[in-house]
């Protein structure tokens, strides 16, 4: 199973993106777990993720997450602002799966 973790400031708006991504994932023949958490709670979930996607509102913290998780083999990226604003779950899911494929 692929584990995708979305991280944002409070976990609220990103949970909406999780719903959109889960809907997109239903059409794929893969087992995909998608969850969201606030940055302050990431220690509970971060090491279990195959990829971390950061909400645009915390893009300024990207280097911190990269330094902590990429040495563990967990790629980190910021969700595109337009895709996030439009809640384009299909494109964000594609981004995450491509990152997992490239690791």
PDB file of N, CA and C in Angstrom:
ATOM      1  N   UNK A   1       0.836  -1.184   0.000  1.00  0.00           N
ATOM      2  CA  UNK A   1       0.000   0.000   0.000  1.00  0.00           C
ATOM      3  C   UNK A   1       0.877   1.241   0.000  1.00  0.00           C
ATOM      4  N   UNK A   2       0.489   2.208  -0.788  1.00  0.00           N
ATOM      5  CA  UNK A   2       1.198   3.485  -0.835  1.00  0.00           C
ATOM      6  C   UNK A   2       0.579   4.420   0.195  1.00  0.00           C
ATOM      7  N   UNK A   3       1.434   5.085   0.966  1.00  0.00           N
ATOM      8  CA  UNK A   3       0.973   6.006   2.008  1.00  0.00           C
ATOM      9  C   UNK A   3       1.371   7.430   1.652  1.00  0.00           C
ATOM     10  N   UNK A   4       0.380   8.261   1.443  1.00  0.00           N
ATOM     11  CA  UNK A   4       0.584   9.666   1.097  1.00  0.00           C
ATOM     12  C   UNK A   4       0.123  10.504   2.289  1.00  0.00           C
ATOM     13  N   UNK A   5       0.989  11.404   2.726  1.00  0.00           N
ATOM     14  CA  UNK A   5       0.645  12.268   3.855  1.00  0.00           C
ATOM     15  C   UNK A   5       0.707  13.719   3.415  1.00  0.00           C
ATOM     16  N   UNK A   6      -0.392  14.438   3.612  1.00  0.00           N
ATOM     17  CA  UNK A   6      -0.455  15.865   3.340  1.00  0.00           C
ATOM     18  C   UNK A   6      -0.297  16.603   4.655  1.00  0.00           C
ATOM     19  N   UNK A   7       0.476  17.671   4.628  1.00  0.00           N
ATOM     20  CA  UNK A   7       0.769  18.437   5.834  1.00  0.00           C
ATOM     21  C   UNK A   7       0.404  19.895   5.589  1.00  0.00           C
ATOM     22  N   UNK A   8      -0.307  20.480   6.544  1.00  0.00           N
ATOM     23  CA  UNK A   8      -0.602  21.914   6.450  1.00  0.00           C
ATOM     24  C   UNK A   8      -0.544  22.523   7.840  1.00  0.00           C
ATOM     25  N   UNK A   9      -0.916  23.769   7.937  1.00  0.00           N
ATOM     26  CA  UNK A   9      -0.795  24.485   9.208  1.00  0.00           C
ATOM     27  C   UNK A   9      -1.722  23.909  10.276  1.00  0.00           C
ATOM     28  N   UNK A  10      -2.992  23.706   9.930  1.00  0.00           N
ATOM     29  CA  UNK A  10      -3.947  23.229  10.930  1.00  0.00           C
ATOM     30  C   UNK A  10      -4.601  21.904  10.549  1.00  0.00           C
ATOM     31  N   UNK A  11      -4.385  21.438   9.335  1.00  0.00           N
ATOM     32  CA  UNK A  11      -4.981  20.175   8.902  1.00  0.00           C
ATOM     33  C   UNK A  11      -6.401  20.300   8.377  1.00  0.00           C
ATOM     34  N   UNK A  12      -6.935  21.500   8.332  1.00  0.00           N
ATOM     35  CA  UNK A  12      -8.331  21.688   7.941  1.00  0.00           C
ATOM     36  C   UNK A  12      -8.507  21.675   6.422  1.00  0.00           C
ATOM     37  N   UNK A  13      -7.921  22.631   5.738  1.00  0.00           N
ATOM     38  CA  UNK A  13      -8.114  22.709   4.290  1.00  0.00           C
ATOM     39  C   UNK A  13      -7.503  21.511   3.582  1.00  0.00           C
ATOM     40  N   UNK A  14      -6.438  20.977   4.130  1.00  0.00           N
ATOM     41  CA  UNK A  14      -5.803  19.826   3.502  1.00  0.00           C
ATOM     42  C   UNK A  14      -6.690  18.591   3.598  1.00  0.00           C
ATOM     43  N   UNK A  15      -7.526  18.512   4.622  1.00  0.00           N
ATOM     44  CA  UNK A  15      -8.436  17.365   4.715  1.00  0.00           C
ATOM     45  C   UNK A  15      -9.432  17.375   3.555  1.00  0.00           C
ATOM     46  N   UNK A  16      -9.775  18.547   3.057  1.00  0.00           N
ATOM     47  CA  UNK A  16     -10.631  18.636   1.866  1.00  0.00           C
ATOM     48  C   UNK A  16      -9.914  18.057   0.656  1.00  0.00           C
ATOM     49  N   UNK A  17      -8.610  18.356   0.553  1.00  0.00           N
ATOM     50  CA  UNK A  17      -7.817  17.821  -0.554  1.00  0.00           C
ATOM     51  C   UNK A  17      -7.726  16.303  -0.451  1.00  0.00           C
ATOM     52  N   UNK A  18      -7.608  15.791   0.750  1.00  0.00           N
ATOM     53  CA  UNK A  18      -7.566  14.335   0.946  1.00  0.00           C
ATOM     54  C   UNK A  18      -8.823  13.706   0.368  1.00  0.00           C
ATOM     55  N   UNK A  19      -9.983  14.286   0.631  1.00  0.00           N
ATOM     56  CA  UNK A  19     -11.242  13.750   0.106  1.00  0.00           C
ATOM     57  C   UNK A  19     -11.243  13.720  -1.413  1.00  0.00           C
ATOM     58  N   UNK A  20     -10.747  14.783  -2.034  1.00  0.00           N
ATOM     59  CA  UNK A  20     -10.675  14.848  -3.504  1.00  0.00           C
ATOM     60  C   UNK A  20      -9.703  13.809  -4.041  1.00  0.00           C
ATOM     61  N   UNK A  21      -8.572  13.633  -3.355  1.00  0.00           N
ATOM     62  CA  UNK A  21      -7.581  12.657  -3.791  1.00  0.00           C
ATOM     63  C   UNK A  21      -8.106  11.236  -3.621  1.00  0.00           C
ATOM     64  N   UNK A  22      -8.823  10.981  -2.542  1.00  0.00           N
ATOM     65  CA  UNK A  22      -9.389   9.649  -2.314  1.00  0.00           C
ATOM     66  C   UNK A  22     -10.416   9.310  -3.392  1.00  0.00           C
ATOM     67  N   UNK A  23     -11.194  10.293  -3.795  1.00  0.00           N
ATOM     68  CA  UNK A  23     -12.161  10.075  -4.872  1.00  0.00           C
ATOM     69  C   UNK A  23     -11.438   9.718  -6.169  1.00  0.00           C
ATOM     70  N   UNK A  24     -10.344  10.414  -6.453  1.00  0.00           N
ATOM     71  CA  UNK A  24      -9.552  10.127  -7.649  1.00  0.00           C
ATOM     72  C   UNK A  24      -8.895   8.754  -7.551  1.00  0.00           C
ATOM     73  N   UNK A  25      -8.473   8.376  -6.361  1.00  0.00           N
ATOM     74  CA  UNK A  25      -7.783   7.099  -6.155  1.00  0.00           C
ATOM     75  C   UNK A  25      -8.717   5.900  -6.341  1.00  0.00           C
ATOM     76  N   UNK A  26     -10.014   6.093  -6.130  1.00  0.00           N
ATOM     77  CA  UNK A  26     -10.974   4.991  -6.282  1.00  0.00           C
ATOM     78  C   UNK A  26     -10.942   4.412  -7.693  1.00  0.00           C
ATOM     79  N   UNK A  27     -10.582   5.245  -8.663  1.00  0.00           N
ATOM     80  CA  UNK A  27     -10.569   4.805 -10.063  1.00  0.00           C
ATOM     81  C   UNK A  27      -9.273   4.104 -10.444  1.00  0.00           C
ATOM     82  N   UNK A  28      -8.348   4.001  -9.530  1.00  0.00           N
ATOM     83  CA  UNK A  28      -7.042   3.395  -9.824  1.00  0.00           C
ATOM     84  C   UNK A  28      -6.982   1.997  -9.222  1.00  0.00           C
ATOM     85  N   UNK A  29      -6.258   1.157  -9.868  1.00  0.00           N
ATOM     86  CA  UNK A  29      -6.157  -0.225  -9.408  1.00  0.00           C
ATOM     87  C   UNK A  29      -4.967  -0.384  -8.467  1.00  0.00           C
ATOM     88  N   UNK A  30      -4.920   0.455  -7.434  1.00  0.00           N
ATOM     89  CA  UNK A  30      -3.826   0.430  -6.469  1.00  0.00           C
ATOM     90  C   UNK A  30      -4.396   0.675  -5.077  1.00  0.00           C
ATOM     91  N   UNK A  31      -3.705   0.144  -4.082  1.00  0.00           N
ATOM     92  CA  UNK A  31      -4.077   0.450  -2.711  1.00  0.00           C
ATOM     93  C   UNK A  31      -3.330   1.707  -2.295  1.00  0.00           C
ATOM     94  N   UNK A  32      -4.076   2.746  -1.989  1.00  0.00           N
ATOM     95  CA  UNK A  32      -3.487   4.031  -1.648  1.00  0.00           C
ATOM     96  C   UNK A  32      -4.137   4.549  -0.376  1.00  0.00           C
ATOM     97  N   UNK A  33      -3.315   4.881   0.605  1.00  0.00           N
ATOM     98  CA  UNK A  33      -3.787   5.506   1.837  1.00  0.00           C
ATOM     99  C   UNK A  33      -3.382   6.971   1.791  1.00  0.00           C
ATOM    100  N   UNK A  34      -4.353   7.855   1.975  1.00  0.00           N
ATOM    101  CA  UNK A  34      -4.094   9.303   1.922  1.00  0.00           C
ATOM    102  C   UNK A  34      -4.620   9.912   3.206  1.00  0.00           C
ATOM    103  N   UNK A  35      -3.746  10.632   3.910  1.00  0.00           N
ATOM    104  CA  UNK A  35      -4.129  11.264   5.170  1.00  0.00           C
ATOM    105  C   UNK A  35      -3.583  12.679   5.220  1.00  0.00           C
ATOM    106  N   UNK A  36      -4.137  13.462   6.137  1.00  0.00           N
ATOM    107  CA  UNK A  36      -3.680  14.830   6.357  1.00  0.00           C
ATOM    108  C   UNK A  36      -3.406  15.032   7.838  1.00  0.00           C
ATOM    109  N   UNK A  37      -2.462  15.896   8.111  1.00  0.00           N
ATOM    110  CA  UNK A  37      -2.147  16.231   9.496  1.00  0.00           C
ATOM    111  C   UNK A  37      -1.632  17.663   9.564  1.00  0.00           C
ATOM    112  N   UNK A  38      -1.734  18.233  10.728  1.00  0.00           N
ATOM    113  CA  UNK A  38      -1.124  19.537  10.974  1.00  0.00           C
ATOM    114  C   UNK A  38       0.365  19.317  11.187  1.00  0.00           C
ATOM    115  N   UNK A  39       1.150  20.290  10.846  1.00  0.00           N
ATOM    116  CA  UNK A  39       2.602  20.178  10.986  1.00  0.00           C
ATOM    117  C   UNK A  39       3.047  19.783  12.377  1.00  0.00           C
ATOM    118  N   UNK A  40       2.348  20.242  13.387  1.00  0.00           N
ATOM    119  CA  UNK A  40       2.712  19.926  14.760  1.00  0.00           C
ATOM    120  C   UNK A  40       2.498  18.472  15.142  1.00  0.00           C
ATOM    121  N   UNK A  41       1.709  17.750  14.344  1.00  0.00           N
ATOM    122  CA  UNK A  41       1.431  16.343  14.626  1.00  0.00           C
ATOM    123  C   UNK A  41       2.196  15.381  13.723  1.00  0.00           C
ATOM    124  N   UNK A  42       3.059  15.902  12.882  1.00  0.00           N
ATOM    125  CA  UNK A  42       3.688  15.054  11.871  1.00  0.00           C
ATOM    126  C   UNK A  42       4.556  13.955  12.460  1.00  0.00           C
ATOM    127  N   UNK A  43       5.109  14.155  13.634  1.00  0.00           N
ATOM    128  CA  UNK A  43       5.969  13.130  14.218  1.00  0.00           C
ATOM    129  C   UNK A  43       5.229  11.814  14.442  1.00  0.00           C
ATOM    130  N   UNK A  44       3.919  11.879  14.579  1.00  0.00           N
ATOM    131  CA  UNK A  44       3.126  10.662  14.771  1.00  0.00           C
ATOM    132  C   UNK A  44       2.986   9.857  13.484  1.00  0.00           C
ATOM    133  N   UNK A  45       3.052  10.539  12.337  1.00  0.00           N
ATOM    134  CA  UNK A  45       2.730   9.901  11.067  1.00  0.00           C
ATOM    135  C   UNK A  45       3.830   9.959  10.016  1.00  0.00           C
ATOM    136  N   UNK A  46       4.719  10.901  10.128  1.00  0.00           N
ATOM    137  CA  UNK A  46       5.686  11.176   9.072  1.00  0.00           C
ATOM    138  C   UNK A  46       6.519   9.996   8.633  1.00  0.00           C
ATOM    139  N   UNK A  47       7.022   9.202   9.567  1.00  0.00           N
ATOM    140  CA  UNK A  47       7.897   8.086   9.208  1.00  0.00           C
ATOM    141  C   UNK A  47       7.165   6.947   8.498  1.00  0.00           C
ATOM    142  N   UNK A  48       5.848   6.941   8.551  1.00  0.00           N
ATOM    143  CA  UNK A  48       5.060   5.898   7.890  1.00  0.00           C
ATOM    144  C   UNK A  48       4.727   6.259   6.447  1.00  0.00           C
ATOM    145  N   UNK A  49       4.985   7.493   6.057  1.00  0.00           N
ATOM    146  CA  UNK A  49       4.603   7.973   4.735  1.00  0.00           C
ATOM    147  C   UNK A  49       5.602   7.530   3.662  1.00  0.00           C
ATOM    148  N   UNK A  50       5.090   7.343   2.452  1.00  0.00           N
ATOM    149  CA  UNK A  50       5.950   7.120   1.292  1.00  0.00           C
ATOM    150  C   UNK A  50       6.312   8.450   0.650  1.00  0.00           C
ATOM    151  N   UNK A  51       5.482   9.454   0.880  1.00  0.00           N
ATOM    152  CA  UNK A  51       5.711  10.788   0.329  1.00  0.00           C
ATOM    153  C   UNK A  51       4.993  11.807   1.220  1.00  0.00           C
ATOM    154  N   UNK A  52       5.603  12.981   1.360  1.00  0.00           N
ATOM    155  CA  UNK A  52       4.988  14.097   2.089  1.00  0.00           C
ATOM    156  C   UNK A  52       4.692  15.214   1.104  1.00  0.00           C
ATOM    157  N   UNK A  53       3.463  15.672   1.111  1.00  0.00           N
ATOM    158  CA  UNK A  53       3.073  16.829   0.314  1.00  0.00           C
ATOM    159  C   UNK A  53       2.664  17.939   1.260  1.00  0.00           C
ATOM    160  N   UNK A  54       3.286  19.090   1.084  1.00  0.00           N
ATOM    161  CA  UNK A  54       3.027  20.228   1.957  1.00  0.00           C
ATOM    162  C   UNK A  54       2.012  21.165   1.319  1.00  0.00           C
ATOM    163  N   UNK A  55       1.085  21.649   2.121  1.00  0.00           N
ATOM    164  CA  UNK A  55       0.168  22.668   1.646  1.00  0.00           C
ATOM    165  C   UNK A  55       0.936  23.948   1.333  1.00  0.00           C
ATOM    166  N   UNK A  56       0.486  24.702   0.345  1.00  0.00           N
ATOM    167  CA  UNK A  56       1.202  25.923  -0.032  1.00  0.00           C
ATOM    168  C   UNK A  56       1.399  26.899   1.125  1.00  0.00           C
ATOM    169  N   UNK A  57       0.493  26.882   2.106  1.00  0.00           N
ATOM    170  CA  UNK A  57       0.585  27.814   3.226  1.00  0.00           C
ATOM    171  C   UNK A  57       1.788  27.537   4.125  1.00  0.00           C
ATOM    172  N   UNK A  58       2.401  26.354   4.019  1.00  0.00           N
ATOM    173  CA  UNK A  58       3.605  26.077   4.812  1.00  0.00           C
ATOM    174  C   UNK A  58       4.820  25.819   3.919  1.00  0.00           C
ATOM    175  N   UNK A  59       4.763  26.315   2.705  1.00  0.00           N
ATOM    176  CA  UNK A  59       5.876  26.106   1.767  1.00  0.00           C
ATOM    177  C   UNK A  59       7.184  26.669   2.314  1.00  0.00           C
ATOM    178  N   UNK A  60       7.098  27.665   3.154  1.00  0.00           N
ATOM    179  CA  UNK A  60       8.305  28.250   3.741  1.00  0.00           C
ATOM    180  C   UNK A  60       9.039  27.264   4.650  1.00  0.00           C
ATOM    181  N   UNK A  61       8.389  26.184   5.043  1.00  0.00           N
ATOM    182  CA  UNK A  61       9.001  25.176   5.899  1.00  0.00           C
ATOM    183  C   UNK A  61       9.540  23.981   5.116  1.00  0.00           C
ATOM    184  N   UNK A  62       9.509  24.051   3.814  1.00  0.00           N
ATOM    185  CA  UNK A  62       9.905  22.911   2.991  1.00  0.00           C
ATOM    186  C   UNK A  62      11.297  22.400   3.350  1.00  0.00           C
ATOM    187  N   UNK A  63      12.270  23.285   3.476  1.00  0.00           N
ATOM    188  CA  UNK A  63      13.638  22.844   3.769  1.00  0.00           C
ATOM    189  C   UNK A  63      13.711  22.043   5.066  1.00  0.00           C
ATOM    190  N   UNK A  64      12.953  22.448   6.052  1.00  0.00           N
ATOM    191  CA  UNK A  64      12.920  21.738   7.331  1.00  0.00           C
ATOM    192  C   UNK A  64      12.440  20.294   7.133  1.00  0.00           C
ATOM    193  N   UNK A  65      11.356  20.125   6.373  1.00  0.00           N
ATOM    194  CA  UNK A  65      10.825  18.792   6.111  1.00  0.00           C
ATOM    195  C   UNK A  65      11.757  17.973   5.230  1.00  0.00           C
ATOM    196  N   UNK A  66      12.350  18.616   4.235  1.00  0.00           N
ATOM    197  CA  UNK A  66      13.304  17.927   3.361  1.00  0.00           C
ATOM    198  C   UNK A  66      14.474  17.389   4.187  1.00  0.00           C
ATOM    199  N   UNK A  67      15.023  18.236   5.045  1.00  0.00           N
ATOM    200  CA  UNK A  67      16.172  17.825   5.857  1.00  0.00           C
ATOM    201  C   UNK A  67      15.836  16.689   6.812  1.00  0.00           C
ATOM    202  N   UNK A  68      14.612  16.651   7.289  1.00  0.00           N
ATOM    203  CA  UNK A  68      14.219  15.622   8.254  1.00  0.00           C
ATOM    204  C   UNK A  68      13.804  14.308   7.590  1.00  0.00           C
ATOM    205  N   UNK A  69      13.086  14.384   6.457  1.00  0.00           N
ATOM    206  CA  UNK A  69      12.477  13.186   5.888  1.00  0.00           C
ATOM    207  C   UNK A  69      13.164  12.614   4.651  1.00  0.00           C
ATOM    208  N   UNK A  70      13.782  13.445   3.830  1.00  0.00           N
ATOM    209  CA  UNK A  70      14.418  12.884   2.638  1.00  0.00           C
ATOM    210  C   UNK A  70      15.584  11.955   2.968  1.00  0.00           C
ATOM    211  N   UNK A  71      16.370  12.197   4.036  1.00  0.00           N
ATOM    212  CA  UNK A  71      17.400  11.204   4.383  1.00  0.00           C
ATOM    213  C   UNK A  71      16.810   9.838   4.765  1.00  0.00           C
ATOM    214  N   UNK A  72      15.541   9.812   5.133  1.00  0.00           N
ATOM    215  CA  UNK A  72      14.853   8.559   5.468  1.00  0.00           C
ATOM    216  C   UNK A  72      14.214   7.925   4.230  1.00  0.00           C
ATOM    217  N   UNK A  73      14.446   8.533   3.064  1.00  0.00           N
ATOM    218  CA  UNK A  73      13.874   8.007   1.829  1.00  0.00           C
ATOM    219  C   UNK A  73      12.456   8.445   1.557  1.00  0.00           C
ATOM    220  N   UNK A  74      12.014   9.517   2.218  1.00  0.00           N
ATOM    221  CA  UNK A  74      10.645  10.024   2.045  1.00  0.00           C
ATOM    222  C   UNK A  74      10.721  11.363   1.312  1.00  0.00           C
ATOM    223  N   UNK A  75      10.353  11.382   0.023  1.00  0.00           N
ATOM    224  CA  UNK A  75      10.413  12.640  -0.722  1.00  0.00           C
ATOM    225  C   UNK A  75       9.377  13.650  -0.224  1.00  0.00           C
ATOM    226  N   UNK A  76       9.735  14.924  -0.362  1.00  0.00           N
ATOM    227  CA  UNK A  76       8.900  16.029   0.114  1.00  0.00           C
ATOM    228  C   UNK A  76       8.718  17.029  -1.023  1.00  0.00           C
ATOM    229  N   UNK A  77       7.499  17.518  -1.196  1.00  0.00           N
ATOM    230  CA  UNK A  77       7.228  18.565  -2.189  1.00  0.00           C
ATOM    231  C   UNK A  77       6.081  19.427  -1.696  1.00  0.00           C
ATOM    232  N   UNK A  78       5.977  20.606  -2.287  1.00  0.00           N
ATOM    233  CA  UNK A  78       4.871  21.519  -2.004  1.00  0.00           C
ATOM    234  C   UNK A  78       3.812  21.322  -3.084  1.00  0.00           C
ATOM    235  N   UNK A  79       2.569  21.237  -2.678  1.00  0.00           N
ATOM    236  CA  UNK A  79       1.466  21.123  -3.633  1.00  0.00           C
ATOM    237  C   UNK A  79       1.367  22.430  -4.413  1.00  0.00           C
ATOM    238  N   UNK A  80       1.200  22.305  -5.723  1.00  0.00           N
ATOM    239  CA  UNK A  80       1.047  23.474  -6.582  1.00  0.00           C
ATOM    240  C   UNK A  80      -0.113  24.342  -6.085  1.00  0.00           C
ATOM    241  N   UNK A  81       0.131  25.634  -5.996  1.00  0.00           N
ATOM    242  CA  UNK A  81      -0.859  26.570  -5.461  1.00  0.00           C
ATOM    243  C   UNK A  81      -2.172  26.539  -6.235  1.00  0.00           C
ATOM    244  N   UNK A  82      -2.092  26.479  -7.550  1.00  0.00           N
ATOM    245  CA  UNK A  82      -3.309  26.458  -8.372  1.00  0.00           C
ATOM    246  C   UNK A  82      -4.069  25.151  -8.149  1.00  0.00           C
ATOM    247  N   UNK A  83      -3.354  24.029  -8.163  1.00  0.00           N
ATOM    248  CA  UNK A  83      -4.020  22.739  -7.936  1.00  0.00           C
ATOM    249  C   UNK A  83      -4.652  22.694  -6.554  1.00  0.00           C
ATOM    250  N   UNK A  84      -3.980  23.282  -5.578  1.00  0.00           N
ATOM    251  CA  UNK A  84      -4.513  23.315  -4.219  1.00  0.00           C
ATOM    252  C   UNK A  84      -5.756  24.198  -4.155  1.00  0.00           C
ATOM    253  N   UNK A  85      -5.667  25.367  -4.749  1.00  0.00           N
ATOM    254  CA  UNK A  85      -6.798  26.300  -4.731  1.00  0.00           C
ATOM    255  C   UNK A  85      -8.026  25.741  -5.432  1.00  0.00           C
ATOM    256  N   UNK A  86      -7.816  24.994  -6.519  1.00  0.00           N
ATOM    257  CA  UNK A  86      -8.919  24.383  -7.258  1.00  0.00           C
ATOM    258  C   UNK A  86      -9.332  23.031  -6.682  1.00  0.00           C
ATOM    259  N   UNK A  87      -8.606  22.577  -5.638  1.00  0.00           N
ATOM    260  CA  UNK A  87      -8.837  21.265  -5.039  1.00  0.00           C
ATOM    261  C   UNK A  87      -8.833  20.173  -6.115  1.00  0.00           C
ATOM    262  N   UNK A  88      -7.791  20.213  -6.959  1.00  0.00           N
ATOM    263  CA  UNK A  88      -7.639  19.258  -8.043  1.00  0.00           C
ATOM    264  C   UNK A  88      -6.975  17.982  -7.512  1.00  0.00           C
ATOM    265  N   UNK A  89      -7.777  17.116  -6.928  1.00  0.00           N
ATOM    266  CA  UNK A  89      -7.271  15.901  -6.317  1.00  0.00           C
ATOM    267  C   UNK A  89      -6.581  14.973  -7.290  1.00  0.00           C
ATOM    268  N   UNK A  90      -7.046  14.944  -8.517  1.00  0.00           N
ATOM    269  CA  UNK A  90      -6.446  14.091  -9.545  1.00  0.00           C
ATOM    270  C   UNK A  90      -4.992  14.494  -9.809  1.00  0.00           C
ATOM    271  N   UNK A  91      -4.757  15.766 -10.005  1.00  0.00           N
ATOM    272  CA  UNK A  91      -3.391  16.232 -10.286  1.00  0.00           C
ATOM    273  C   UNK A  91      -2.476  16.068  -9.084  1.00  0.00           C
ATOM    274  N   UNK A  92      -2.976  16.326  -7.894  1.00  0.00           N
ATOM    275  CA  UNK A  92      -2.144  16.189  -6.699  1.00  0.00           C
ATOM    276  C   UNK A  92      -1.833  14.711  -6.449  1.00  0.00           C
ATOM    277  N   UNK A  93      -2.803  13.842  -6.703  1.00  0.00           N
ATOM    278  CA  UNK A  93      -2.550  12.406  -6.587  1.00  0.00           C
ATOM    279  C   UNK A  93      -1.491  11.974  -7.602  1.00  0.00           C
ATOM    280  N   UNK A  94      -1.594  12.467  -8.829  1.00  0.00           N
ATOM    281  CA  UNK A  94      -0.580  12.156  -9.842  1.00  0.00           C
ATOM    282  C   UNK A  94       0.807  12.602  -9.385  1.00  0.00           C
ATOM    283  N   UNK A  95       0.889  13.783  -8.799  1.00  0.00           N
ATOM    284  CA  UNK A  95       2.158  14.306  -8.295  1.00  0.00           C
ATOM    285  C   UNK A  95       2.745  13.358  -7.248  1.00  0.00           C
ATOM    286  N   UNK A  96       1.921  12.939  -6.298  1.00  0.00           N
ATOM    287  CA  UNK A  96       2.390  12.068  -5.231  1.00  0.00           C
ATOM    288  C   UNK A  96       2.846  10.713  -5.769  1.00  0.00           C
ATOM    289  N   UNK A  97       2.052  10.124  -6.662  1.00  0.00           N
ATOM    290  CA  UNK A  97       2.404   8.816  -7.202  1.00  0.00           C
ATOM    291  C   UNK A  97       3.671   8.875  -8.049  1.00  0.00           C
ATOM    292  N   UNK A  98       3.852   9.967  -8.768  1.00  0.00           N
ATOM    293  CA  UNK A  98       5.082  10.139  -9.552  1.00  0.00           C
ATOM    294  C   UNK A  98       6.299  10.239  -8.624  1.00  0.00           C
ATOM    295  N   UNK A  99       6.160  10.945  -7.519  1.00  0.00           N
ATOM    296  CA  UNK A  99       7.260  11.060  -6.558  1.00  0.00           C
ATOM    297  C   UNK A  99       7.619   9.697  -5.960  1.00  0.00           C
ATOM    298  N   UNK A 100       6.598   8.900  -5.669  1.00  0.00           N
ATOM    299  CA  UNK A 100       6.847   7.567  -5.121  1.00  0.00           C
ATOM    300  C   UNK A 100       7.548   6.706  -6.165  1.00  0.00           C
ATOM    301  N   UNK A 101       7.113   6.807  -7.397  1.00  0.00           N
ATOM    302  CA  UNK A 101       7.701   6.031  -8.489  1.00  0.00           C
ATOM    303  C   UNK A 101       9.176   6.378  -8.697  1.00  0.00           C
ATOM    304  N   UNK A 102       9.524   7.653  -8.496  1.00  0.00           N
ATOM    305  CA  UNK A 102      10.884   8.124  -8.744  1.00  0.00           C
ATOM    306  C   UNK A 102      11.840   7.887  -7.597  1.00  0.00           C
ATOM    307  N   UNK A 103      11.349   7.451  -6.424  1.00  0.00           N
ATOM    308  CA  UNK A 103      12.256   7.299  -5.295  1.00  0.00           C
ATOM    309  C   UNK A 103      13.162   6.103  -5.422  1.00  0.00           C
TER     310      UNK A 103
END
